[in-house]
Amino acid sequence: MRARSVPRLILVDGFAGSGKSTTAQRLCLLLRAAGRRAEWFHEHQAAHPIFCYDEVEELLAVAPDAFEDQILARWSAFARSGSGDAAAIRILEGSFLQLTVGVMLSMNLTSARIVRVLREIDRLLAPLDPALIHLFHRDVRAGLLAIRDHRGAYWLEGMTTIVGRSAYGRRHGVRDVEGLIGFYRKQQAIIEAALPKLTLRRLGIEIGRGAWGAYATRMSAFLAMDRRNIAATAHDLRRCPGSYRSRLGSRRMVTTDGAALYLHETLQPAQRLLPAGAGRFWVESLPIELRFTHEQRGRFGRFAVDNRLMNARPAAASFTRIEERPPSR
């Protein structure tokens, strides 16, 4: 570990479903809990500093030369904007390896060209003393099937379709899951070839065992951070649960299992809420913040929602409590 302690830029990377968002979000919350200024950028966040996109197909519509020029220009501007002594620690997920290698490989560009771009980004970021946490599956096939089991077969089918339509997919005949596995194996090979040529400090974590407690300990040591428990307080567990309604009639429920809080939306799975400050919570893995205010007899009376996702649907920003009896999970 370098003596310079926590870096000013933390890059969390790995292919889809590797745990990037959860990891990056928790690192940001840990830094803030320790009194540090920290900012996290979700890969599909509106106003993203590198590329704003909802679906990969949007990026593949850009010409290869234009994509390379744009990504280098934006990394350069990003590095300059974070050069001040008072700048916050910034955490980006998926923007360095997944975005660059995945998109350029989909464009069927050569490995040498992709590695050259990674090395140029590495050079641009050097003044920020960046640190890279790379989450990967050594067995690509097992990793993709694990993501399918978690996200559903539709995800694997969708990615196969997207890659199959790309220049790489047309050239290599990607028509099924085996073709997609070949694409990700090629992507991993390019990353493995590039990493030894980069100057940034890095930690690779093979996530096949799913031992996230041990992984968190390794990340904390690598980043010179104290490991803390991110958990709602007993006070929050009493004040937040209830049924809430917007002035437009949409409803949300906040429940507790006695250890954590959960947000329920119509026809959506329950989403865990992570404490982000007094009366504030983030939806786990997403750049969505809930801010609770106006206590009623010791319990919150309303919450406002700040959704920073690119694909956020227009929705009521404020929900008011309509039920005093706290529901439970």
C-alpha atoms as a PDB file:
ATOM      1  CA  MET A   1       0.000   0.000   0.000  1.00  0.00           C
ATOM      2  CA  ARG A   2       1.330   3.410  -0.900  1.00  0.00           C
ATOM      3  CA  ALA A   3       1.718   5.920   1.874  1.00  0.00           C
ATOM      4  CA  ARG A   4      -0.664   8.329   0.161  1.00  0.00           C
ATOM      5  CA  SER A   5      -3.623   6.573   1.746  1.00  0.00           C
ATOM      6  CA  VAL A   6      -7.089   6.721   0.175  1.00  0.00           C
ATOM      7  CA  PRO A   7      -6.770   7.616  -3.539  1.00  0.00           C
ATOM      8  CA  ARG A   8      -8.626  10.552  -5.082  1.00  0.00           C
ATOM      9  CA  LEU A   9     -10.116   8.294  -7.755  1.00  0.00           C
ATOM     10  CA  ILE A  10     -11.400   4.760  -7.220  1.00  0.00           C
ATOM     11  CA  LEU A  11     -12.318   2.714 -10.288  1.00  0.00           C
ATOM     12  CA  VAL A  12     -14.518  -0.329  -9.669  1.00  0.00           C
ATOM     13  CA  ASP A  13     -14.706  -2.582 -12.699  1.00  0.00           C
ATOM     14  CA  GLY A  14     -15.770  -5.964 -14.014  1.00  0.00           C
ATOM     15  CA  PHE A  15     -18.362  -7.193 -16.497  1.00  0.00           C
ATOM     16  CA  ALA A  16     -22.107  -6.946 -15.928  1.00  0.00           C
ATOM     17  CA  GLY A  17     -23.399  -8.515 -12.735  1.00  0.00           C
ATOM     18  CA  SER A  18     -20.004  -8.744 -11.038  1.00  0.00           C
ATOM     19  CA  GLY A  19     -21.043  -6.544  -8.118  1.00  0.00           C
ATOM     20  CA  LYS A  20     -19.632  -3.222  -9.309  1.00  0.00           C
ATOM     21  CA  SER A  21     -22.578  -1.041  -8.309  1.00  0.00           C
ATOM     22  CA  THR A  22     -22.973  -2.564  -4.858  1.00  0.00           C
ATOM     23  CA  THR A  23     -19.241  -2.320  -4.206  1.00  0.00           C
ATOM     24  CA  ALA A  24     -18.856   1.250  -5.472  1.00  0.00           C
ATOM     25  CA  GLN A  25     -21.914   2.480  -3.561  1.00  0.00           C
ATOM     26  CA  ARG A  26     -20.758   0.939  -0.289  1.00  0.00           C
ATOM     27  CA  LEU A  27     -17.264   2.387  -0.685  1.00  0.00           C
ATOM     28  CA  CYS A  28     -18.817   5.833  -1.097  1.00  0.00           C
ATOM     29  CA  LEU A  29     -20.973   5.377   1.996  1.00  0.00           C
ATOM     30  CA  LEU A  30     -17.976   4.146   4.016  1.00  0.00           C
ATOM     31  CA  LEU A  31     -15.934   7.183   3.014  1.00  0.00           C
ATOM     32  CA  ARG A  32     -18.756   9.560   3.908  1.00  0.00           C
ATOM     33  CA  ALA A  33     -19.285   7.817   7.242  1.00  0.00           C
ATOM     34  CA  ALA A  34     -15.590   8.433   7.939  1.00  0.00           C
ATOM     35  CA  GLY A  35     -16.073  12.139   7.279  1.00  0.00           C
ATOM     36  CA  ARG A  36     -14.559  12.190   3.784  1.00  0.00           C
ATOM     37  CA  ARG A  37     -16.061  13.948   0.773  1.00  0.00           C
ATOM     38  CA  ALA A  38     -16.939  11.246  -1.731  1.00  0.00           C
ATOM     39  CA  GLU A  39     -18.998  11.035  -4.901  1.00  0.00           C
ATOM     40  CA  TRP A  40     -20.168   7.875  -6.669  1.00  0.00           C
ATOM     41  CA  PHE A  41     -21.107   7.675 -10.356  1.00  0.00           C
ATOM     42  CA  HIS A  42     -23.344   4.771 -11.367  1.00  0.00           C
ATOM     43  CA  GLU A  43     -22.599   3.571 -14.901  1.00  0.00           C
ATOM     44  CA  HIS A  44     -26.129   4.483 -16.071  1.00  0.00           C
ATOM     45  CA  GLN A  45     -26.373   7.727 -14.138  1.00  0.00           C
ATOM     46  CA  ALA A  46     -27.677  10.875 -15.792  1.00  0.00           C
ATOM     47  CA  ALA A  47     -24.975  13.523 -16.311  1.00  0.00           C
ATOM     48  CA  HIS A  48     -22.235  10.887 -16.139  1.00  0.00           C
ATOM     49  CA  PRO A  49     -18.799  12.516 -16.636  1.00  0.00           C
ATOM     50  CA  ILE A  50     -17.540   9.978 -19.215  1.00  0.00           C
ATOM     51  CA  PHE A  51     -20.532   8.701 -21.208  1.00  0.00           C
ATOM     52  CA  CYS A  52     -24.273   9.114 -20.602  1.00  0.00           C
ATOM     53  CA  TYR A  53     -26.062   6.060 -21.963  1.00  0.00           C
ATOM     54  CA  ASP A  54     -28.911   3.758 -21.090  1.00  0.00           C
ATOM     55  CA  GLU A  55     -28.236   0.811 -23.409  1.00  0.00           C
ATOM     56  CA  VAL A  56     -24.946  -0.348 -24.950  1.00  0.00           C
ATOM     57  CA  GLU A  57     -26.520  -0.129 -28.398  1.00  0.00           C
ATOM     58  CA  GLU A  58     -26.436   3.670 -28.067  1.00  0.00           C
ATOM     59  CA  LEU A  59     -22.640   3.565 -27.821  1.00  0.00           C
ATOM     60  CA  LEU A  60     -22.274   1.105 -30.692  1.00  0.00           C
ATOM     61  CA  ALA A  61     -24.010   3.611 -32.964  1.00  0.00           C
ATOM     62  CA  VAL A  62     -20.976   5.911 -32.574  1.00  0.00           C
ATOM     63  CA  ALA A  63     -18.229   5.563 -35.200  1.00  0.00           C
ATOM     64  CA  PRO A  64     -15.068   3.903 -33.758  1.00  0.00           C
ATOM     65  CA  ASP A  65     -12.784   6.909 -34.337  1.00  0.00           C
ATOM     66  CA  ALA A  66     -15.366   9.270 -32.822  1.00  0.00           C
ATOM     67  CA  PHE A  67     -15.840   6.976 -29.823  1.00  0.00           C
ATOM     68  CA  GLU A  68     -12.092   6.875 -29.174  1.00  0.00           C
ATOM     69  CA  ASP A  69     -11.762  10.660 -29.502  1.00  0.00           C
ATOM     70  CA  GLN A  70     -14.749  11.287 -27.215  1.00  0.00           C
ATOM     71  CA  ILE A  71     -13.723   8.880 -24.490  1.00  0.00           C
ATOM     72  CA  LEU A  72     -10.174  10.241 -24.310  1.00  0.00           C
ATOM     73  CA  ALA A  73     -11.410  13.841 -24.306  1.00  0.00           C
ATOM     74  CA  ARG A  74     -13.852  13.136 -21.486  1.00  0.00           C
ATOM     75  CA  TRP A  75     -11.313  11.278 -19.356  1.00  0.00           C
ATOM     76  CA  SER A  76      -8.943  14.199 -19.867  1.00  0.00           C
ATOM     77  CA  ALA A  77     -11.579  16.711 -18.753  1.00  0.00           C
ATOM     78  CA  PHE A  78     -12.522  14.483 -15.819  1.00  0.00           C
ATOM     79  CA  ALA A  79      -8.908  14.306 -14.652  1.00  0.00           C
ATOM     80  CA  ARG A  80      -8.522  18.090 -14.837  1.00  0.00           C
ATOM     81  CA  SER A  81     -11.753  18.676 -12.908  1.00  0.00           C
ATOM     82  CA  GLY A  82     -10.536  16.535 -10.015  1.00  0.00           C
ATOM     83  CA  SER A  83      -7.063  18.000  -9.683  1.00  0.00           C
ATOM     84  CA  GLY A  84      -7.815  20.517  -6.897  1.00  0.00           C
ATOM     85  CA  ASP A  85      -6.696  19.809  -3.353  1.00  0.00           C
ATOM     86  CA  ALA A  86     -10.265  20.170  -2.062  1.00  0.00           C
ATOM     87  CA  ALA A  87     -11.767  17.824  -4.673  1.00  0.00           C
ATOM     88  CA  ALA A  88     -13.929  14.944  -3.451  1.00  0.00           C
ATOM     89  CA  ILE A  89     -12.845  11.346  -3.741  1.00  0.00           C
ATOM     90  CA  ARG A  90     -14.651  10.081  -6.832  1.00  0.00           C
ATOM     91  CA  ILE A  91     -15.761   6.518  -7.455  1.00  0.00           C
ATOM     92  CA  LEU A  92     -16.590   5.337 -10.975  1.00  0.00           C
ATOM     93  CA  GLU A  93     -17.907   1.900 -11.812  1.00  0.00           C
ATOM     94  CA  GLY A  94     -17.511   0.137 -15.133  1.00  0.00           C
ATOM     95  CA  SER A  95     -16.241   3.228 -16.924  1.00  0.00           C
ATOM     96  CA  PHE A  96     -12.610   2.212 -17.353  1.00  0.00           C
ATOM     97  CA  LEU A  97     -12.506  -1.449 -18.402  1.00  0.00           C
ATOM     98  CA  GLN A  98     -16.065  -2.527 -19.173  1.00  0.00           C
ATOM     99  CA  LEU A  99     -16.981   0.569 -21.149  1.00  0.00           C
ATOM    100  CA  THR A 100     -13.724   0.864 -23.079  1.00  0.00           C
ATOM    101  CA  VAL A 101     -12.926  -2.781 -23.750  1.00  0.00           C
ATOM    102  CA  GLY A 102     -16.523  -3.957 -24.138  1.00  0.00           C
ATOM    103  CA  VAL A 103     -17.560  -1.262 -26.606  1.00  0.00           C
ATOM    104  CA  MET A 104     -14.343  -1.251 -28.638  1.00  0.00           C
ATOM    105  CA  LEU A 105     -14.325  -5.051 -28.869  1.00  0.00           C
ATOM    106  CA  SER A 106     -17.983  -4.962 -29.973  1.00  0.00           C
ATOM    107  CA  MET A 107     -16.834  -2.607 -32.721  1.00  0.00           C
ATOM    108  CA  ASN A 108     -14.408  -5.402 -33.712  1.00  0.00           C
ATOM    109  CA  LEU A 109     -11.346  -3.224 -33.129  1.00  0.00           C
ATOM    110  CA  THR A 110      -7.972  -4.856 -32.591  1.00  0.00           C
ATOM    111  CA  SER A 111      -6.659  -5.814 -29.171  1.00  0.00           C
ATOM    112  CA  ALA A 112      -3.607  -3.607 -29.741  1.00  0.00           C
ATOM    113  CA  ARG A 113      -5.793  -0.558 -30.363  1.00  0.00           C
ATOM    114  CA  ILE A 114      -7.913  -1.229 -27.275  1.00  0.00           C
ATOM    115  CA  VAL A 115      -4.848  -1.657 -25.052  1.00  0.00           C
ATOM    116  CA  ARG A 116      -3.373   1.561 -26.454  1.00  0.00           C
ATOM    117  CA  VAL A 117      -6.503   3.479 -25.455  1.00  0.00           C
ATOM    118  CA  LEU A 118      -6.433   1.974 -21.943  1.00  0.00           C
ATOM    119  CA  ARG A 119      -2.799   3.035 -21.564  1.00  0.00           C
ATOM    120  CA  GLU A 120      -3.640   6.575 -22.684  1.00  0.00           C
ATOM    121  CA  ILE A 121      -6.487   6.792 -20.150  1.00  0.00           C
ATOM    122  CA  ASP A 122      -4.082   5.474 -17.513  1.00  0.00           C
ATOM    123  CA  ARG A 123      -1.660   8.286 -18.407  1.00  0.00           C
ATOM    124  CA  LEU A 124      -4.383  10.938 -18.245  1.00  0.00           C
ATOM    125  CA  LEU A 125      -5.504   9.784 -14.801  1.00  0.00           C
ATOM    126  CA  ALA A 126      -2.029   9.490 -13.271  1.00  0.00           C
ATOM    127  CA  PRO A 127      -2.180  12.888 -11.460  1.00  0.00           C
ATOM    128  CA  LEU A 128      -5.186  11.592  -9.471  1.00  0.00           C
ATOM    129  CA  ASP A 129      -3.239   8.566  -8.162  1.00  0.00           C
ATOM    130  CA  PRO A 130      -6.124   6.262  -9.182  1.00  0.00           C
ATOM    131  CA  ALA A 131      -6.799   2.835  -7.723  1.00  0.00           C
ATOM    132  CA  LEU A 132      -8.566   0.058  -9.633  1.00  0.00           C
ATOM    133  CA  ILE A 133     -10.612  -2.714  -8.052  1.00  0.00           C
ATOM    134  CA  HIS A 134     -11.211  -5.371 -10.693  1.00  0.00           C
ATOM    135  CA  LEU A 135     -13.929  -7.940  -9.954  1.00  0.00           C
ATOM    136  CA  PHE A 136     -13.740 -10.966 -12.233  1.00  0.00           C
ATOM    137  CA  HIS A 137     -14.704 -14.605 -12.702  1.00  0.00           C
ATOM    138  CA  ARG A 138     -11.811 -16.842 -13.669  1.00  0.00           C
ATOM    139  CA  ASP A 139     -14.363 -19.196 -15.234  1.00  0.00           C
ATOM    140  CA  VAL A 140     -16.220 -16.908 -17.647  1.00  0.00           C
ATOM    141  CA  ARG A 141     -18.898 -19.477 -18.445  1.00  0.00           C
ATOM    142  CA  ALA A 142     -19.724 -20.051 -14.768  1.00  0.00           C
ATOM    143  CA  GLY A 143     -19.737 -16.295 -14.177  1.00  0.00           C
ATOM    144  CA  LEU A 144     -22.231 -15.605 -16.971  1.00  0.00           C
ATOM    145  CA  LEU A 145     -24.507 -18.436 -15.888  1.00  0.00           C
ATOM    146  CA  ALA A 146     -24.421 -17.090 -12.321  1.00  0.00           C
ATOM    147  CA  ILE A 147     -25.558 -13.693 -13.638  1.00  0.00           C
ATOM    148  CA  ARG A 148     -28.334 -15.427 -15.594  1.00  0.00           C
ATOM    149  CA  ASP A 149     -29.506 -17.119 -12.406  1.00  0.00           C
ATOM    150  CA  HIS A 150     -29.522 -13.757 -10.602  1.00  0.00           C
ATOM    151  CA  ARG A 151     -30.904 -11.454 -13.308  1.00  0.00           C
ATOM    152  CA  GLY A 152     -32.930 -13.923 -15.332  1.00  0.00           C
ATOM    153  CA  ALA A 153     -32.554 -15.582 -18.732  1.00  0.00           C
ATOM    154  CA  TYR A 154     -33.838 -12.420 -20.431  1.00  0.00           C
ATOM    155  CA  TRP A 155     -30.564 -10.650 -19.551  1.00  0.00           C
ATOM    156  CA  LEU A 156     -28.429 -13.334 -21.200  1.00  0.00           C
ATOM    157  CA  GLU A 157     -30.689 -13.388 -24.232  1.00  0.00           C
ATOM    158  CA  GLY A 158     -30.624  -9.595 -24.477  1.00  0.00           C
ATOM    159  CA  MET A 159     -26.832  -9.411 -24.295  1.00  0.00           C
ATOM    160  CA  THR A 160     -26.527 -12.168 -26.902  1.00  0.00           C
ATOM    161  CA  THR A 161     -28.760 -10.157 -29.229  1.00  0.00           C
ATOM    162  CA  ILE A 162     -26.816  -6.912 -28.677  1.00  0.00           C
ATOM    163  CA  VAL A 163     -23.404  -8.533 -29.230  1.00  0.00           C
ATOM    164  CA  GLY A 164     -24.758 -10.553 -32.147  1.00  0.00           C
ATOM    165  CA  ARG A 165     -25.812  -7.351 -33.938  1.00  0.00           C
ATOM    166  CA  SER A 166     -22.471  -5.652 -33.349  1.00  0.00           C
ATOM    167  CA  ALA A 167     -19.550  -5.642 -35.796  1.00  0.00           C
ATOM    168  CA  TYR A 168     -17.838  -8.278 -33.636  1.00  0.00           C
ATOM    169  CA  GLY A 169     -20.960 -10.435 -33.557  1.00  0.00           C
ATOM    170  CA  ARG A 170     -21.431 -10.296 -37.310  1.00  0.00           C
ATOM    171  CA  ARG A 171     -17.769 -11.072 -37.919  1.00  0.00           C
ATOM    172  CA  HIS A 172     -17.629 -13.979 -35.454  1.00  0.00           C
ATOM    173  CA  GLY A 173     -21.155 -15.315 -35.924  1.00  0.00           C
ATOM    174  CA  VAL A 174     -22.465 -14.713 -32.391  1.00  0.00           C
ATOM    175  CA  ARG A 175     -25.933 -16.266 -32.379  1.00  0.00           C
ATOM    176  CA  ASP A 176     -26.236 -18.007 -29.009  1.00  0.00           C
ATOM    177  CA  VAL A 177     -24.883 -18.111 -25.478  1.00  0.00           C
ATOM    178  CA  GLU A 178     -21.734 -19.926 -26.606  1.00  0.00           C
ATOM    179  CA  GLY A 179     -20.938 -17.003 -28.885  1.00  0.00           C
ATOM    180  CA  LEU A 180     -21.498 -14.572 -26.006  1.00  0.00           C
ATOM    181  CA  ILE A 181     -19.181 -16.599 -23.768  1.00  0.00           C
ATOM    182  CA  GLY A 182     -16.521 -16.380 -26.489  1.00  0.00           C
ATOM    183  CA  PHE A 183     -16.955 -12.597 -26.604  1.00  0.00           C
ATOM    184  CA  TYR A 184     -16.484 -12.245 -22.836  1.00  0.00           C
ATOM    185  CA  ARG A 185     -13.499 -14.575 -22.873  1.00  0.00           C
ATOM    186  CA  LYS A 186     -11.887 -12.364 -25.507  1.00  0.00           C
ATOM    187  CA  GLN A 187     -12.707  -9.293 -23.429  1.00  0.00           C
ATOM    188  CA  GLN A 188     -11.111 -10.851 -20.351  1.00  0.00           C
ATOM    189  CA  ALA A 189      -8.001 -11.818 -22.333  1.00  0.00           C
ATOM    190  CA  ILE A 190      -7.562  -8.208 -23.508  1.00  0.00           C
ATOM    191  CA  ILE A 191      -7.915  -6.911 -19.949  1.00  0.00           C
ATOM    192  CA  GLU A 192      -5.400  -9.445 -18.629  1.00  0.00           C
ATOM    193  CA  ALA A 193      -2.942  -8.382 -21.332  1.00  0.00           C
ATOM    194  CA  ALA A 194      -3.459  -4.690 -20.584  1.00  0.00           C
ATOM    195  CA  LEU A 195      -3.272  -4.619 -16.775  1.00  0.00           C
ATOM    196  CA  PRO A 196       0.500  -5.284 -16.458  1.00  0.00           C
ATOM    197  CA  LYS A 197       1.120  -2.355 -18.837  1.00  0.00           C
ATOM    198  CA  LEU A 198      -0.771   0.148 -16.672  1.00  0.00           C
ATOM    199  CA  THR A 199       0.734   2.275 -13.906  1.00  0.00           C
ATOM    200  CA  LEU A 200      -2.320   2.628 -11.647  1.00  0.00           C
ATOM    201  CA  ARG A 201      -2.404   0.581  -8.471  1.00  0.00           C
ATOM    202  CA  ARG A 202      -4.878  -2.262  -8.716  1.00  0.00           C
ATOM    203  CA  LEU A 203      -6.486  -5.083  -6.805  1.00  0.00           C
ATOM    204  CA  GLY A 204      -7.926  -8.067  -8.637  1.00  0.00           C
ATOM    205  CA  ILE A 205     -10.592 -10.083  -6.823  1.00  0.00           C
ATOM    206  CA  GLU A 206     -11.789 -13.402  -8.215  1.00  0.00           C
ATOM    207  CA  ILE A 207     -15.425 -13.466  -7.090  1.00  0.00           C
ATOM    208  CA  GLY A 208     -16.321 -17.054  -7.934  1.00  0.00           C
ATOM    209  CA  ARG A 209     -16.603 -18.093  -4.262  1.00  0.00           C
ATOM    210  CA  GLY A 210     -18.994 -15.264  -3.406  1.00  0.00           C
ATOM    211  CA  ALA A 211     -17.120 -14.556  -0.151  1.00  0.00           C
ATOM    212  CA  TRP A 212     -18.049 -10.867  -0.049  1.00  0.00           C
ATOM    213  CA  GLY A 213     -17.089 -10.379   3.582  1.00  0.00           C
ATOM    214  CA  ALA A 214     -13.522 -11.453   2.811  1.00  0.00           C
ATOM    215  CA  TYR A 215     -13.510  -9.378  -0.381  1.00  0.00           C
ATOM    216  CA  ALA A 216     -14.618  -6.290   1.572  1.00  0.00           C
ATOM    217  CA  THR A 217     -11.742  -6.785   4.026  1.00  0.00           C
ATOM    218  CA  ARG A 218      -9.246  -6.951   1.159  1.00  0.00           C
ATOM    219  CA  MET A 219     -10.681  -3.830  -0.481  1.00  0.00           C
ATOM    220  CA  SER A 220     -10.573  -1.855   2.765  1.00  0.00           C
ATOM    221  CA  ALA A 221      -6.919  -2.762   3.288  1.00  0.00           C
ATOM    222  CA  PHE A 222      -6.049  -1.948  -0.328  1.00  0.00           C
ATOM    223  CA  LEU A 223      -7.677   1.494  -0.090  1.00  0.00           C
ATOM    224  CA  ALA A 224      -6.356   2.220   3.431  1.00  0.00           C
ATOM    225  CA  MET A 225      -9.929   2.541   4.693  1.00  0.00           C
ATOM    226  CA  ASP A 226     -11.415   1.473   7.997  1.00  0.00           C
ATOM    227  CA  ARG A 227     -14.033  -1.198   7.498  1.00  0.00           C
ATOM    228  CA  ARG A 228     -17.372  -0.217   9.002  1.00  0.00           C
ATOM    229  CA  ASN A 229     -20.802  -1.759   9.176  1.00  0.00           C
ATOM    230  CA  ILE A 230     -23.368   0.074   7.036  1.00  0.00           C
ATOM    231  CA  ALA A 231     -26.609  -0.540   8.875  1.00  0.00           C
ATOM    232  CA  ALA A 232     -29.753   1.347   9.781  1.00  0.00           C
ATOM    233  CA  THR A 233     -29.987   2.418  13.409  1.00  0.00           C
ATOM    234  CA  ALA A 234     -32.667   1.137  15.763  1.00  0.00           C
ATOM    235  CA  HIS A 235     -34.075   4.673  15.667  1.00  0.00           C
ATOM    236  CA  ASP A 236     -34.434   4.513  11.857  1.00  0.00           C
ATOM    237  CA  LEU A 237     -36.010   1.057  12.033  1.00  0.00           C
ATOM    238  CA  ARG A 238     -38.752   2.574  14.199  1.00  0.00           C
ATOM    239  CA  ARG A 239     -39.239   5.877  12.374  1.00  0.00           C
ATOM    240  CA  CYS A 240     -39.256   4.900   8.675  1.00  0.00           C
ATOM    241  CA  PRO A 241     -41.576   1.886   8.133  1.00  0.00           C
ATOM    242  CA  GLY A 242     -45.065   2.636   6.886  1.00  0.00           C
ATOM    243  CA  SER A 243     -47.270   3.044   3.835  1.00  0.00           C
ATOM    244  CA  TYR A 244     -46.824   6.219   1.787  1.00  0.00           C
ATOM    245  CA  ARG A 245     -48.759   7.795  -1.072  1.00  0.00           C
ATOM    246  CA  SER A 246     -47.982  10.576  -3.539  1.00  0.00           C
ATOM    247  CA  ARG A 247     -50.441  13.304  -4.428  1.00  0.00           C
ATOM    248  CA  LEU A 248     -50.882  11.506  -7.772  1.00  0.00           C
ATOM    249  CA  GLY A 249     -52.016   8.343  -6.005  1.00  0.00           C
ATOM    250  CA  SER A 250     -48.965   6.104  -6.460  1.00  0.00           C
ATOM    251  CA  ARG A 251     -47.978   4.130  -3.368  1.00  0.00           C
ATOM    252  CA  ARG A 252     -44.769   2.953  -1.737  1.00  0.00           C
ATOM    253  CA  MET A 253     -44.154   0.887   1.371  1.00  0.00           C
ATOM    254  CA  VAL A 254     -41.129   0.903   3.626  1.00  0.00           C
ATOM    255  CA  THR A 255     -40.746  -2.217   5.753  1.00  0.00           C
ATOM    256  CA  THR A 256     -38.215  -3.684   8.151  1.00  0.00           C
ATOM    257  CA  ASP A 257     -37.097  -7.182   9.094  1.00  0.00           C
ATOM    258  CA  GLY A 258     -35.643  -5.854  12.335  1.00  0.00           C
ATOM    259  CA  ALA A 259     -32.165  -5.431  10.849  1.00  0.00           C
ATOM    260  CA  ALA A 260     -32.623  -3.383   7.664  1.00  0.00           C
ATOM    261  CA  LEU A 261     -35.131  -1.242   5.781  1.00  0.00           C
ATOM    262  CA  TYR A 262     -36.710  -2.116   2.429  1.00  0.00           C
ATOM    263  CA  LEU A 263     -38.573  -0.113  -0.205  1.00  0.00           C
ATOM    264  CA  HIS A 264     -41.486  -1.759  -2.010  1.00  0.00           C
ATOM    265  CA  GLU A 265     -42.830  -0.546  -5.347  1.00  0.00           C
ATOM    266  CA  THR A 266     -45.784  -2.012  -7.235  1.00  0.00           C
ATOM    267  CA  LEU A 267     -44.794  -5.222  -9.080  1.00  0.00           C
ATOM    268  CA  GLN A 268     -41.126  -4.731  -8.115  1.00  0.00           C
ATOM    269  CA  PRO A 269     -38.983  -6.819  -5.726  1.00  0.00           C
ATOM    270  CA  ALA A 270     -38.230  -5.241  -2.370  1.00  0.00           C
ATOM    271  CA  GLN A 271     -35.110  -3.068  -2.485  1.00  0.00           C
ATOM    272  CA  ARG A 272     -32.813  -2.695   0.505  1.00  0.00           C
ATOM    273  CA  LEU A 273     -32.168   0.822   1.783  1.00  0.00           C
ATOM    274  CA  LEU A 274     -28.671   1.775   2.944  1.00  0.00           C
ATOM    275  CA  PRO A 275     -28.241   4.651   5.440  1.00  0.00           C
ATOM    276  CA  ALA A 276     -26.559   7.702   3.910  1.00  0.00           C
ATOM    277  CA  GLY A 277     -26.976  10.284   6.669  1.00  0.00           C
ATOM    278  CA  ALA A 278     -29.641  11.658   8.976  1.00  0.00           C
ATOM    279  CA  GLY A 279     -32.991  10.616   7.493  1.00  0.00           C
ATOM    280  CA  ARG A 280     -31.361   9.771   4.151  1.00  0.00           C
ATOM    281  CA  PHE A 281     -31.045   6.391   2.424  1.00  0.00           C
ATOM    282  CA  TRP A 282     -29.815   5.042  -0.907  1.00  0.00           C
ATOM    283  CA  VAL A 283     -31.548   2.199  -2.694  1.00  0.00           C
ATOM    284  CA  GLU A 284     -28.947  -0.561  -2.745  1.00  0.00           C
ATOM    285  CA  SER A 285     -26.842  -0.580  -5.952  1.00  0.00           C
ATOM    286  CA  LEU A 286     -28.763   2.340  -7.506  1.00  0.00           C
ATOM    287  CA  PRO A 287     -28.273   6.140  -7.559  1.00  0.00           C
ATOM    288  CA  ILE A 288     -31.687   6.671  -5.974  1.00  0.00           C
ATOM    289  CA  GLU A 289     -31.896   8.567  -2.702  1.00  0.00           C
ATOM    290  CA  LEU A 290     -34.808   8.771  -0.244  1.00  0.00           C
ATOM    291  CA  ARG A 291     -34.924  11.739   2.135  1.00  0.00           C
ATOM    292  CA  PHE A 292     -37.285  11.382   5.096  1.00  0.00           C
ATOM    293  CA  THR A 293     -38.652  14.477   6.847  1.00  0.00           C
ATOM    294  CA  HIS A 294     -41.508  15.785   9.048  1.00  0.00           C
ATOM    295  CA  GLU A 295     -41.712  13.468  12.002  1.00  0.00           C
ATOM    296  CA  GLN A 296     -45.152  12.571  13.321  1.00  0.00           C
ATOM    297  CA  ARG A 297     -45.281  11.222  16.883  1.00  0.00           C
ATOM    298  CA  GLY A 298     -41.720   9.921  16.609  1.00  0.00           C
ATOM    299  CA  ARG A 299     -42.084   8.610  13.042  1.00  0.00           C
ATOM    300  CA  PHE A 300     -41.301  10.169   9.691  1.00  0.00           C
ATOM    301  CA  GLY A 301     -44.282  11.657   7.850  1.00  0.00           C
ATOM    302  CA  ARG A 302     -42.959  11.817   4.294  1.00  0.00           C
ATOM    303  CA  PHE A 303     -40.014  11.125   2.018  1.00  0.00           C
ATOM    304  CA  ALA A 304     -38.744  12.656  -1.221  1.00  0.00           C
ATOM    305  CA  VAL A 305     -37.128  10.613  -4.009  1.00  0.00           C
ATOM    306  CA  ASP A 306     -34.096  11.710  -6.037  1.00  0.00           C
ATOM    307  CA  ASN A 307     -33.641   9.267  -8.944  1.00  0.00           C
ATOM    308  CA  ARG A 308     -30.497   9.931 -10.999  1.00  0.00           C
ATOM    309  CA  LEU A 309     -30.769   7.010 -13.416  1.00  0.00           C
ATOM    310  CA  MET A 310     -30.785   7.740 -17.145  1.00  0.00           C
ATOM    311  CA  ASN A 311     -33.996   5.752 -17.646  1.00  0.00           C
ATOM    312  CA  ALA A 312     -35.855   7.219 -14.658  1.00  0.00           C
ATOM    313  CA  ARG A 313     -39.576   7.463 -15.407  1.00  0.00           C
ATOM    314  CA  PRO A 314     -41.428  10.636 -14.490  1.00  0.00           C
ATOM    315  CA  ALA A 315     -42.751  10.071 -10.981  1.00  0.00           C
ATOM    316  CA  ALA A 316     -44.004  11.910  -7.944  1.00  0.00           C
ATOM    317  CA  ALA A 317     -41.062  13.298  -5.998  1.00  0.00           C
ATOM    318  CA  SER A 318     -42.744  13.200  -2.589  1.00  0.00           C
ATOM    319  CA  PHE A 319     -44.659  10.530  -0.667  1.00  0.00           C
ATOM    320  CA  THR A 320     -46.695  11.139   2.507  1.00  0.00           C
ATOM    321  CA  ARG A 321     -47.432   8.580   5.220  1.00  0.00           C
ATOM    322  CA  ILE A 322     -50.981   7.204   5.086  1.00  0.00           C
ATOM    323  CA  GLU A 323     -50.726   4.382   7.615  1.00  0.00           C
ATOM    324  CA  GLU A 324     -49.539   4.638  11.198  1.00  0.00           C
ATOM    325  CA  ARG A 325     -49.151   0.929  11.834  1.00  0.00           C
ATOM    326  CA  PRO A 326     -45.598  -0.071  10.759  1.00  0.00           C
ATOM    327  CA  PRO A 327     -45.672  -3.022   8.330  1.00  0.00           C
ATOM    328  CA  SER A 328     -43.082  -5.759   8.691  1.00  0.00           C
ATOM    329  CA  ARG A 329     -41.418  -8.158   6.284  1.00  0.00           C
END
